[in-house]
Amino acid sequence: MKYNWLYIIPVLIFSSCTNTSPDDLTDNDPITELVKYDTDIAPIIQSQCIQCHNSNFASGGLALENYTDVRTSTESGSLIDRITRNAGDPLIMPQNSQLPAASINLIIQWQIDGFLEN
């Protein structure tokens, strides 16, 4: 009987030393794609910003007509600062409004992803 324990104890020890759990066998993380200017950011800028920030009427001296304009404003922190202000703040953009959280998150993620263009 005591010899059986010599076999059982090592089996228990080795079987408990595994990195696999039921959670490891499934991928519960959502698959996310990198955020890109042309497909993700440009539509937000076109629908929410370009009316006041274009070359004909650059409110605050800021035009957001193309990738370079938007990237420069985002890199400087200006765009992120303005779109993340609290409702009612006189410096919030779009003026007297706030972008949907999903749009704000896309712009921030675009910056994190490295300002991909296409």
N, C-alpha and C. Protein backbone atom coordinates (compact mmCIF):
# COMPACT_ATOMS: atom_id res chain seq x y z
N MET A 1 0.82 -1.19 0.00
CA MET A 1 0.00 0.00 0.00
C MET A 1 0.86 1.25 0.00
N LYS A 2 1.94 1.25 0.80
CA LYS A 2 2.76 2.45 0.84
C LYS A 2 3.50 2.67 -0.48
N TYR A 3 3.68 1.62 -1.27
CA TYR A 3 4.32 1.78 -2.58
C TYR A 3 3.38 2.48 -3.57
N ASN A 4 2.09 2.31 -3.41
CA ASN A 4 1.12 3.00 -4.27
C ASN A 4 1.23 4.51 -4.13
N TRP A 5 1.48 4.99 -2.93
CA TRP A 5 1.63 6.42 -2.70
C TRP A 5 2.86 6.96 -3.43
N LEU A 6 3.85 6.15 -3.60
CA LEU A 6 5.04 6.60 -4.32
C LEU A 6 4.73 6.90 -5.78
N TYR A 7 3.71 6.25 -6.30
CA TYR A 7 3.30 6.51 -7.67
C TYR A 7 2.23 7.60 -7.75
N ILE A 8 1.37 7.65 -6.79
CA ILE A 8 0.25 8.59 -6.81
C ILE A 8 0.73 10.02 -6.56
N ILE A 9 1.61 10.22 -5.62
CA ILE A 9 2.06 11.58 -5.28
C ILE A 9 2.75 12.25 -6.47
N PRO A 10 3.71 11.62 -7.15
CA PRO A 10 4.31 12.29 -8.31
C PRO A 10 3.29 12.60 -9.41
N VAL A 11 2.34 11.70 -9.62
CA VAL A 11 1.31 11.95 -10.64
C VAL A 11 0.50 13.19 -10.28
N LEU A 12 0.11 13.32 -9.02
CA LEU A 12 -0.64 14.49 -8.58
C LEU A 12 0.17 15.77 -8.72
N ILE A 13 1.43 15.70 -8.36
CA ILE A 13 2.29 16.88 -8.45
C ILE A 13 2.45 17.31 -9.90
N PHE A 14 2.77 16.38 -10.78
CA PHE A 14 2.99 16.74 -12.18
C PHE A 14 1.71 17.15 -12.89
N SER A 15 0.60 16.58 -12.51
CA SER A 15 -0.65 16.95 -13.18
C SER A 15 -1.12 18.33 -12.74
N SER A 16 -0.69 18.80 -11.58
CA SER A 16 -1.10 20.12 -11.13
C SER A 16 -0.17 21.21 -11.67
N CYS A 17 0.90 20.84 -12.32
CA CYS A 17 1.88 21.80 -12.83
C CYS A 17 1.68 22.05 -14.32
N THR A 18 0.50 22.37 -14.69
CA THR A 18 0.24 22.65 -16.09
C THR A 18 -0.24 24.08 -16.24
N ASN A 19 0.02 24.68 -17.36
CA ASN A 19 -0.42 26.06 -17.62
C ASN A 19 -1.76 26.11 -18.30
N THR A 20 -2.33 24.99 -18.61
CA THR A 20 -3.57 24.97 -19.35
C THR A 20 -4.76 24.95 -18.40
N SER A 21 -5.67 25.87 -18.63
CA SER A 21 -6.93 25.88 -17.90
C SER A 21 -8.03 25.96 -18.94
N PRO A 22 -9.26 25.74 -18.56
CA PRO A 22 -10.35 25.86 -19.55
C PRO A 22 -10.38 27.24 -20.21
N ASP A 23 -10.00 28.30 -19.45
CA ASP A 23 -9.98 29.64 -20.02
C ASP A 23 -8.92 29.79 -21.11
N ASP A 24 -7.82 29.04 -20.98
CA ASP A 24 -6.76 29.12 -21.97
C ASP A 24 -7.16 28.48 -23.30
N LEU A 25 -8.15 27.65 -23.27
CA LEU A 25 -8.54 26.91 -24.47
C LEU A 25 -9.47 27.68 -25.39
N THR A 26 -10.02 28.79 -24.90
CA THR A 26 -10.88 29.61 -25.73
C THR A 26 -10.33 31.02 -25.78
N ASP A 27 -10.52 31.69 -26.86
CA ASP A 27 -10.06 33.05 -27.03
C ASP A 27 -11.25 33.98 -26.80
N ASN A 28 -11.33 34.53 -25.60
CA ASN A 28 -12.44 35.42 -25.26
C ASN A 28 -12.15 36.87 -25.61
N ASP A 29 -10.92 37.18 -25.99
CA ASP A 29 -10.59 38.55 -26.34
C ASP A 29 -11.15 38.89 -27.71
N PRO A 30 -11.80 40.05 -27.81
CA PRO A 30 -12.32 40.41 -29.12
C PRO A 30 -11.17 40.72 -30.07
N ILE A 31 -11.36 40.40 -31.31
CA ILE A 31 -10.36 40.69 -32.32
C ILE A 31 -10.54 42.15 -32.73
N THR A 32 -9.49 42.91 -32.58
CA THR A 32 -9.57 44.32 -32.95
C THR A 32 -8.58 44.60 -34.06
N GLU A 33 -9.00 45.41 -34.98
CA GLU A 33 -8.12 45.81 -36.07
C GLU A 33 -7.52 47.16 -35.74
N LEU A 34 -6.41 47.45 -36.35
CA LEU A 34 -5.77 48.74 -36.15
C LEU A 34 -6.66 49.84 -36.74
N VAL A 35 -6.69 50.96 -36.06
CA VAL A 35 -7.49 52.10 -36.52
C VAL A 35 -6.70 52.85 -37.58
N LYS A 36 -7.37 53.16 -38.68
CA LYS A 36 -6.72 53.84 -39.81
C LYS A 36 -7.46 55.12 -40.15
N TYR A 37 -6.69 56.08 -40.62
CA TYR A 37 -7.26 57.39 -40.94
C TYR A 37 -8.36 57.30 -42.00
N ASP A 38 -8.04 56.71 -43.14
CA ASP A 38 -8.98 56.72 -44.26
C ASP A 38 -10.30 56.04 -43.94
N THR A 39 -10.26 54.93 -43.24
CA THR A 39 -11.49 54.17 -43.00
C THR A 39 -12.20 54.54 -41.71
N ASP A 40 -11.46 54.99 -40.70
CA ASP A 40 -12.06 55.21 -39.39
C ASP A 40 -12.12 56.67 -38.96
N ILE A 41 -11.06 57.42 -39.18
CA ILE A 41 -10.97 58.78 -38.66
C ILE A 41 -11.54 59.81 -39.63
N ALA A 42 -11.21 59.71 -40.90
CA ALA A 42 -11.70 60.69 -41.88
C ALA A 42 -13.23 60.83 -41.86
N PRO A 43 -14.00 59.73 -41.77
CA PRO A 43 -15.46 59.91 -41.71
C PRO A 43 -15.92 60.71 -40.48
N ILE A 44 -15.25 60.56 -39.35
CA ILE A 44 -15.61 61.34 -38.16
C ILE A 44 -15.32 62.81 -38.41
N ILE A 45 -14.14 63.09 -38.94
CA ILE A 45 -13.75 64.48 -39.21
C ILE A 45 -14.69 65.10 -40.22
N GLN A 46 -15.02 64.37 -41.28
CA GLN A 46 -15.92 64.89 -42.32
C GLN A 46 -17.31 65.20 -41.76
N SER A 47 -17.81 64.37 -40.89
CA SER A 47 -19.17 64.57 -40.41
C SER A 47 -19.25 65.53 -39.22
N GLN A 48 -18.18 65.67 -38.46
CA GLN A 48 -18.27 66.44 -37.23
C GLN A 48 -17.40 67.70 -37.16
N CYS A 49 -16.36 67.80 -37.98
CA CYS A 49 -15.38 68.86 -37.79
C CYS A 49 -15.18 69.78 -38.99
N ILE A 50 -15.28 69.21 -40.18
CA ILE A 50 -14.85 69.93 -41.37
C ILE A 50 -15.68 71.18 -41.67
N GLN A 51 -16.93 71.22 -41.18
CA GLN A 51 -17.77 72.40 -41.41
C GLN A 51 -17.10 73.66 -40.88
N CYS A 52 -16.43 73.57 -39.74
CA CYS A 52 -15.80 74.74 -39.13
C CYS A 52 -14.28 74.76 -39.27
N HIS A 53 -13.70 73.63 -39.64
CA HIS A 53 -12.24 73.54 -39.71
C HIS A 53 -11.79 73.11 -41.10
N ASN A 54 -11.98 74.03 -42.06
CA ASN A 54 -11.57 73.79 -43.44
C ASN A 54 -10.72 74.97 -43.90
N SER A 55 -10.17 74.89 -45.09
CA SER A 55 -9.27 75.95 -45.55
C SER A 55 -10.00 77.27 -45.81
N ASN A 56 -11.28 77.22 -46.11
CA ASN A 56 -12.04 78.46 -46.33
C ASN A 56 -12.47 79.11 -45.02
N PHE A 57 -12.68 78.32 -44.01
CA PHE A 57 -13.09 78.83 -42.70
C PHE A 57 -12.42 77.98 -41.64
N ALA A 58 -11.21 78.35 -41.29
CA ALA A 58 -10.44 77.58 -40.31
C ALA A 58 -10.66 78.17 -38.92
N SER A 59 -11.74 77.76 -38.30
CA SER A 59 -12.06 78.25 -36.96
C SER A 59 -10.89 78.02 -36.02
N GLY A 60 -10.52 79.06 -35.28
CA GLY A 60 -9.39 78.96 -34.37
C GLY A 60 -8.07 78.78 -35.10
N GLY A 61 -8.05 79.03 -36.40
CA GLY A 61 -6.84 78.86 -37.19
C GLY A 61 -6.51 77.41 -37.48
N LEU A 62 -7.48 76.52 -37.26
CA LEU A 62 -7.24 75.09 -37.44
C LEU A 62 -8.05 74.53 -38.60
N ALA A 63 -7.34 74.00 -39.58
CA ALA A 63 -7.99 73.29 -40.69
C ALA A 63 -7.72 71.80 -40.48
N LEU A 64 -8.75 71.00 -40.68
CA LEU A 64 -8.64 69.54 -40.53
C LEU A 64 -9.06 68.86 -41.82
N GLU A 65 -8.51 69.29 -42.93
CA GLU A 65 -8.94 68.81 -44.23
C GLU A 65 -8.29 67.52 -44.70
N ASN A 66 -7.16 67.17 -44.12
CA ASN A 66 -6.46 65.99 -44.62
C ASN A 66 -5.73 65.26 -43.49
N TYR A 67 -5.13 64.16 -43.86
CA TYR A 67 -4.41 63.32 -42.89
C TYR A 67 -3.37 64.12 -42.11
N THR A 68 -2.56 64.91 -42.80
CA THR A 68 -1.48 65.65 -42.14
C THR A 68 -2.04 66.65 -41.13
N ASP A 69 -3.10 67.37 -41.50
CA ASP A 69 -3.72 68.33 -40.57
C ASP A 69 -4.22 67.64 -39.31
N VAL A 70 -4.92 66.54 -39.48
CA VAL A 70 -5.52 65.84 -38.34
C VAL A 70 -4.43 65.20 -37.48
N ARG A 71 -3.44 64.61 -38.13
CA ARG A 71 -2.35 63.99 -37.37
C ARG A 71 -1.60 65.05 -36.56
N THR A 72 -1.28 66.17 -37.17
CA THR A 72 -0.55 67.23 -36.48
C THR A 72 -1.32 67.72 -35.26
N SER A 73 -2.61 67.93 -35.43
CA SER A 73 -3.44 68.39 -34.32
C SER A 73 -3.56 67.33 -33.22
N THR A 74 -3.60 66.08 -33.60
CA THR A 74 -3.69 65.00 -32.62
C THR A 74 -2.36 64.83 -31.90
N GLU A 75 -1.27 64.87 -32.63
CA GLU A 75 0.06 64.72 -32.02
C GLU A 75 0.35 65.83 -31.02
N SER A 76 -0.08 67.04 -31.33
CA SER A 76 0.16 68.16 -30.42
C SER A 76 -0.68 68.07 -29.16
N GLY A 77 -1.72 67.24 -29.21
CA GLY A 77 -2.61 67.11 -28.06
C GLY A 77 -3.82 68.00 -28.14
N SER A 78 -3.82 68.92 -29.08
CA SER A 78 -4.92 69.88 -29.20
C SER A 78 -6.25 69.21 -29.49
N LEU A 79 -6.27 68.32 -30.48
CA LEU A 79 -7.53 67.67 -30.86
C LEU A 79 -8.07 66.81 -29.73
N ILE A 80 -7.22 66.00 -29.13
CA ILE A 80 -7.64 65.13 -28.04
C ILE A 80 -8.14 65.98 -26.86
N ASP A 81 -7.44 67.05 -26.56
CA ASP A 81 -7.85 67.93 -25.46
C ASP A 81 -9.25 68.48 -25.71
N ARG A 82 -9.51 68.95 -26.91
CA ARG A 82 -10.79 69.58 -27.20
C ARG A 82 -11.95 68.59 -27.25
N ILE A 83 -11.73 67.41 -27.77
CA ILE A 83 -12.85 66.47 -27.90
C ILE A 83 -13.13 65.71 -26.61
N THR A 84 -12.21 65.77 -25.64
CA THR A 84 -12.43 65.06 -24.38
C THR A 84 -12.85 65.98 -23.24
N ARG A 85 -13.09 67.22 -23.52
CA ARG A 85 -13.55 68.15 -22.47
C ARG A 85 -14.98 67.79 -22.05
N ASN A 86 -15.35 68.22 -20.87
CA ASN A 86 -16.68 67.95 -20.35
C ASN A 86 -17.73 68.80 -21.07
N ALA A 87 -18.92 68.25 -21.19
CA ALA A 87 -20.03 69.00 -21.78
C ALA A 87 -20.20 70.31 -21.03
N GLY A 88 -20.44 71.37 -21.76
CA GLY A 88 -20.60 72.69 -21.16
C GLY A 88 -19.32 73.51 -21.14
N ASP A 89 -18.19 72.88 -21.32
CA ASP A 89 -16.91 73.59 -21.38
C ASP A 89 -16.90 74.43 -22.66
N PRO A 90 -16.58 75.72 -22.58
CA PRO A 90 -16.61 76.55 -23.77
C PRO A 90 -15.58 76.17 -24.84
N LEU A 91 -14.59 75.37 -24.49
CA LEU A 91 -13.57 74.95 -25.45
C LEU A 91 -13.83 73.57 -26.05
N ILE A 92 -14.94 72.95 -25.70
CA ILE A 92 -15.23 71.61 -26.22
C ILE A 92 -15.48 71.67 -27.73
N MET A 93 -15.06 70.65 -28.41
CA MET A 93 -15.33 70.52 -29.84
C MET A 93 -15.96 69.16 -30.09
N PRO A 94 -16.91 69.08 -30.97
CA PRO A 94 -17.54 70.17 -31.69
C PRO A 94 -18.22 71.15 -30.72
N GLN A 95 -18.28 72.37 -31.16
CA GLN A 95 -18.79 73.44 -30.32
C GLN A 95 -20.21 73.14 -29.85
N ASN A 96 -20.47 73.37 -28.58
CA ASN A 96 -21.78 73.16 -27.96
C ASN A 96 -22.27 71.72 -28.05
N SER A 97 -21.36 70.80 -28.17
CA SER A 97 -21.74 69.40 -28.36
C SER A 97 -20.61 68.53 -27.83
N GLN A 98 -20.72 67.25 -28.05
CA GLN A 98 -19.63 66.34 -27.73
C GLN A 98 -19.69 65.16 -28.69
N LEU A 99 -18.54 64.75 -29.15
CA LEU A 99 -18.49 63.57 -30.02
C LEU A 99 -18.97 62.36 -29.25
N PRO A 100 -19.56 61.39 -29.94
CA PRO A 100 -19.88 60.13 -29.27
C PRO A 100 -18.61 59.49 -28.71
N ALA A 101 -18.76 58.80 -27.59
CA ALA A 101 -17.60 58.16 -26.94
C ALA A 101 -16.88 57.23 -27.90
N ALA A 102 -17.62 56.54 -28.76
CA ALA A 102 -16.98 55.61 -29.71
C ALA A 102 -16.05 56.36 -30.66
N SER A 103 -16.44 57.55 -31.09
CA SER A 103 -15.60 58.35 -31.99
C SER A 103 -14.36 58.85 -31.26
N ILE A 104 -14.54 59.31 -30.04
CA ILE A 104 -13.40 59.76 -29.24
C ILE A 104 -12.42 58.61 -29.04
N ASN A 105 -12.94 57.45 -28.70
CA ASN A 105 -12.08 56.28 -28.48
C ASN A 105 -11.33 55.89 -29.75
N LEU A 106 -11.98 56.00 -30.91
CA LEU A 106 -11.30 55.68 -32.17
C LEU A 106 -10.14 56.63 -32.43
N ILE A 107 -10.34 57.90 -32.17
CA ILE A 107 -9.28 58.88 -32.41
C ILE A 107 -8.11 58.62 -31.47
N ILE A 108 -8.41 58.34 -30.22
CA ILE A 108 -7.34 58.03 -29.25
C ILE A 108 -6.63 56.74 -29.65
N GLN A 109 -7.38 55.74 -30.07
CA GLN A 109 -6.76 54.47 -30.49
C GLN A 109 -5.92 54.65 -31.74
N TRP A 110 -6.36 55.53 -32.64
CA TRP A 110 -5.59 55.84 -33.85
C TRP A 110 -4.22 56.37 -33.46
N GLN A 111 -4.19 57.24 -32.47
CA GLN A 111 -2.92 57.78 -31.98
C GLN A 111 -2.07 56.65 -31.39
N ILE A 112 -2.67 55.80 -30.57
CA ILE A 112 -1.95 54.68 -29.96
C ILE A 112 -1.41 53.73 -31.01
N ASP A 113 -2.21 53.50 -32.06
CA ASP A 113 -1.81 52.57 -33.13
C ASP A 113 -0.72 53.14 -34.03
N GLY A 114 -0.40 54.41 -33.89
CA GLY A 114 0.69 54.99 -34.67
C GLY A 114 0.27 55.79 -35.88
N PHE A 115 -0.93 56.36 -35.85
CA PHE A 115 -1.40 57.24 -36.92
C PHE A 115 -1.36 56.61 -38.31
N LEU A 116 -1.90 55.41 -38.42
CA LEU A 116 -1.92 54.73 -39.72
C LEU A 116 -2.82 55.49 -40.68
N GLU A 117 -2.37 55.59 -41.93
CA GLU A 117 -3.13 56.35 -42.92
C GLU A 117 -4.11 55.47 -43.68
N ASN A 118 -3.65 54.35 -44.21
CA ASN A 118 -4.52 53.47 -45.00
C ASN A 118 -4.59 52.10 -44.37
